[in-house]
Amino acid sequence: MNKVKILYVIIACLVAINVFQFVLYNMRHMLFTDAVPDEETALVIAKAVLSSAYGKHVLNQEPFAVTYICEGKYWYVCGNWPDDPNLVGGVASVNIRKSDGKILRLHHSL
């Protein structure tokens, strides 16, 4: 009879572990479904990432263009080239995944 009780306890533990894993997975999915919900949030993240990577002078490329790419489910944020003909270089851009805010691509054109 003890073996049957031990078997029930083991089965109950396995079921509890599976339920716990299922709940954790779904909570994580719910928390990170829309980490970057709008253009304003994408712009704040992009400015922080771009200025950290390329220096604060990259903020001179304002206004930044913010576009949501539906197929890839990410925000594309790109600087604008100033109208000064004496300037050399390119513009900075970043792709930010909407679901969790991961930086997918960081680029500076020449």
C-alpha atoms as a PDB file:
ATOM      1  CA  MET A   1       0.000   0.000   0.000  1.00  0.00           C
ATOM      2  CA  ASN A   2       2.923   2.359   0.668  1.00  0.00           C
ATOM      3  CA  LYS A   3       4.124   1.973  -2.912  1.00  0.00           C
ATOM      4  CA  VAL A   4       0.750   3.160  -4.225  1.00  0.00           C
ATOM      5  CA  LYS A   5       0.847   6.258  -1.986  1.00  0.00           C
ATOM      6  CA  ILE A   6       4.388   7.054  -3.112  1.00  0.00           C
ATOM      7  CA  LEU A   7       3.303   6.700  -6.733  1.00  0.00           C
ATOM      8  CA  TYR A   8       0.390   9.119  -6.139  1.00  0.00           C
ATOM      9  CA  VAL A   9       2.731  11.626  -4.512  1.00  0.00           C
ATOM     10  CA  ILE A  10       5.162  11.408  -7.436  1.00  0.00           C
ATOM     11  CA  ILE A  11       2.348  11.872  -9.966  1.00  0.00           C
ATOM     12  CA  ALA A  12       0.956  14.819  -7.980  1.00  0.00           C
ATOM     13  CA  CYS A  13       4.412  16.432  -7.904  1.00  0.00           C
ATOM     14  CA  LEU A  14       4.884  15.986 -11.652  1.00  0.00           C
ATOM     15  CA  VAL A  15       1.465  17.495 -12.346  1.00  0.00           C
ATOM     16  CA  ALA A  16       2.218  20.426 -10.010  1.00  0.00           C
ATOM     17  CA  ILE A  17       5.548  21.055 -11.747  1.00  0.00           C
ATOM     18  CA  ASN A  18       3.901  21.033 -15.183  1.00  0.00           C
ATOM     19  CA  VAL A  19       1.150  23.405 -14.040  1.00  0.00           C
ATOM     20  CA  PHE A  20       3.759  25.719 -12.521  1.00  0.00           C
ATOM     21  CA  GLN A  21       5.794  25.762 -15.765  1.00  0.00           C
ATOM     22  CA  PHE A  22       2.653  26.449 -17.789  1.00  0.00           C
ATOM     23  CA  VAL A  23       1.686  29.382 -15.559  1.00  0.00           C
ATOM     24  CA  LEU A  24       5.198  30.857 -15.669  1.00  0.00           C
ATOM     25  CA  TYR A  25       5.341  30.608 -19.470  1.00  0.00           C
ATOM     26  CA  ASN A  26       1.963  32.303 -19.860  1.00  0.00           C
ATOM     27  CA  MET A  27       2.807  35.045 -17.361  1.00  0.00           C
ATOM     28  CA  ARG A  28       6.045  35.792 -19.210  1.00  0.00           C
ATOM     29  CA  HIS A  29       4.166  35.879 -22.495  1.00  0.00           C
ATOM     30  CA  MET A  30       1.538  38.227 -21.054  1.00  0.00           C
ATOM     31  CA  LEU A  31       4.147  40.544 -19.537  1.00  0.00           C
ATOM     32  CA  PHE A  32       6.162  40.902 -22.748  1.00  0.00           C
ATOM     33  CA  THR A  33       3.381  40.972 -25.327  1.00  0.00           C
ATOM     34  CA  ASP A  34       3.611  44.733 -25.817  1.00  0.00           C
ATOM     35  CA  ALA A  35       6.735  46.051 -24.111  1.00  0.00           C
ATOM     36  CA  VAL A  36       7.054  48.837 -26.724  1.00  0.00           C
ATOM     37  CA  PRO A  37       3.399  49.702 -27.416  1.00  0.00           C
ATOM     38  CA  ASP A  38       3.696  53.025 -29.243  1.00  0.00           C
ATOM     39  CA  GLU A  39       5.905  55.443 -31.186  1.00  0.00           C
ATOM     40  CA  GLU A  40       6.753  57.532 -28.123  1.00  0.00           C
ATOM     41  CA  THR A  41       8.135  54.546 -26.229  1.00  0.00           C
ATOM     42  CA  ALA A  42      10.108  53.397 -29.276  1.00  0.00           C
ATOM     43  CA  LEU A  43      11.555  56.901 -29.673  1.00  0.00           C
ATOM     44  CA  VAL A  44      12.692  57.089 -26.028  1.00  0.00           C
ATOM     45  CA  ILE A  45      14.391  53.693 -26.293  1.00  0.00           C
ATOM     46  CA  ALA A  46      15.963  54.571 -29.654  1.00  0.00           C
ATOM     47  CA  LYS A  47      17.414  57.859 -28.403  1.00  0.00           C
ATOM     48  CA  ALA A  48      18.938  56.152 -25.389  1.00  0.00           C
ATOM     49  CA  VAL A  49      20.426  53.314 -27.449  1.00  0.00           C
ATOM     50  CA  LEU A  50      21.694  55.519 -30.291  1.00  0.00           C
ATOM     51  CA  SER A  51      23.262  58.152 -28.041  1.00  0.00           C
ATOM     52  CA  SER A  52      24.919  55.407 -25.994  1.00  0.00           C
ATOM     53  CA  ALA A  53      26.301  53.711 -29.104  1.00  0.00           C
ATOM     54  CA  TYR A  54      27.270  56.728 -31.230  1.00  0.00           C
ATOM     55  CA  GLY A  55      27.481  59.632 -28.776  1.00  0.00           C
ATOM     56  CA  LYS A  56      25.122  62.449 -27.862  1.00  0.00           C
ATOM     57  CA  HIS A  57      25.758  64.244 -31.155  1.00  0.00           C
ATOM     58  CA  VAL A  58      23.518  61.645 -32.829  1.00  0.00           C
ATOM     59  CA  LEU A  59      20.568  63.438 -31.212  1.00  0.00           C
ATOM     60  CA  ASN A  60      21.209  66.284 -33.689  1.00  0.00           C
ATOM     61  CA  GLN A  61      19.513  64.045 -36.260  1.00  0.00           C
ATOM     62  CA  GLU A  62      16.078  64.992 -34.903  1.00  0.00           C
ATOM     63  CA  PRO A  63      13.299  64.732 -35.821  1.00  0.00           C
ATOM     64  CA  PHE A  64      13.575  60.951 -35.850  1.00  0.00           C
ATOM     65  CA  ALA A  65      11.239  59.000 -38.109  1.00  0.00           C
ATOM     66  CA  VAL A  66       9.417  56.185 -36.283  1.00  0.00           C
ATOM     67  CA  THR A  67       7.753  53.431 -38.326  1.00  0.00           C
ATOM     68  CA  TYR A  68       6.119  50.204 -37.241  1.00  0.00           C
ATOM     69  CA  ILE A  69       7.037  47.277 -39.514  1.00  0.00           C
ATOM     70  CA  CYS A  70       4.069  44.900 -39.240  1.00  0.00           C
ATOM     71  CA  GLU A  71       5.672  41.887 -40.936  1.00  0.00           C
ATOM     72  CA  GLY A  72       8.635  41.833 -38.570  1.00  0.00           C
ATOM     73  CA  LYS A  73       6.699  43.213 -35.588  1.00  0.00           C
ATOM     74  CA  TYR A  74       9.343  45.803 -34.773  1.00  0.00           C
ATOM     75  CA  TRP A  75       9.779  49.566 -34.635  1.00  0.00           C
ATOM     76  CA  TYR A  76      12.209  51.173 -37.076  1.00  0.00           C
ATOM     77  CA  VAL A  77      13.599  54.482 -35.809  1.00  0.00           C
ATOM     78  CA  CYS A  78      15.834  56.496 -38.124  1.00  0.00           C
ATOM     79  CA  GLY A  79      17.487  59.900 -37.838  1.00  0.00           C
ATOM     80  CA  ASN A  80      17.164  62.662 -40.434  1.00  0.00           C
ATOM     81  CA  TRP A  81      20.048  64.147 -42.374  1.00  0.00           C
ATOM     82  CA  PRO A  82      20.516  67.859 -41.582  1.00  0.00           C
ATOM     83  CA  ASP A  83      20.364  70.338 -44.467  1.00  0.00           C
ATOM     84  CA  ASP A  84      23.936  71.512 -43.831  1.00  0.00           C
ATOM     85  CA  PRO A  85      26.085  70.721 -46.932  1.00  0.00           C
ATOM     86  CA  ASN A  86      29.292  70.943 -44.841  1.00  0.00           C
ATOM     87  CA  LEU A  87      28.361  67.932 -42.733  1.00  0.00           C
ATOM     88  CA  VAL A  88      29.759  64.508 -43.503  1.00  0.00           C
ATOM     89  CA  GLY A  89      28.561  61.122 -42.308  1.00  0.00           C
ATOM     90  CA  GLY A  90      25.214  59.399 -42.289  1.00  0.00           C
ATOM     91  CA  VAL A  91      22.207  58.760 -40.137  1.00  0.00           C
ATOM     92  CA  ALA A  92      21.689  56.340 -37.291  1.00  0.00           C
ATOM     93  CA  SER A  93      18.873  53.823 -37.137  1.00  0.00           C
ATOM     94  CA  VAL A  94      17.680  51.072 -34.831  1.00  0.00           C
ATOM     95  CA  ASN A  95      15.137  48.236 -35.002  1.00  0.00           C
ATOM     96  CA  ILE A  96      13.331  47.530 -31.715  1.00  0.00           C
ATOM     97  CA  ARG A  97      11.146  44.437 -31.293  1.00  0.00           C
ATOM     98  CA  LYS A  98       7.683  45.447 -30.105  1.00  0.00           C
ATOM     99  CA  SER A  99       7.003  42.396 -27.928  1.00  0.00           C
ATOM    100  CA  ASP A 100      10.013  42.629 -25.598  1.00  0.00           C
ATOM    101  CA  GLY A 101      12.059  45.722 -26.572  1.00  0.00           C
ATOM    102  CA  LYS A 102      15.038  43.733 -27.831  1.00  0.00           C
ATOM    103  CA  ILE A 103      17.370  45.679 -30.125  1.00  0.00           C
ATOM    104  CA  LEU A 104      17.336  43.713 -33.365  1.00  0.00           C
ATOM    105  CA  ARG A 105      19.603  45.948 -35.428  1.00  0.00           C
ATOM    106  CA  LEU A 106      21.740  49.013 -34.770  1.00  0.00           C
ATOM    107  CA  HIS A 107      23.076  50.800 -37.827  1.00  0.00           C
ATOM    108  CA  HIS A 108      24.793  54.006 -38.891  1.00  0.00           C
ATOM    109  CA  SER A 109      24.992  54.732 -42.603  1.00  0.00           C
ATOM    110  CA  LEU A 110      27.985  56.412 -44.214  1.00  0.00           C
END
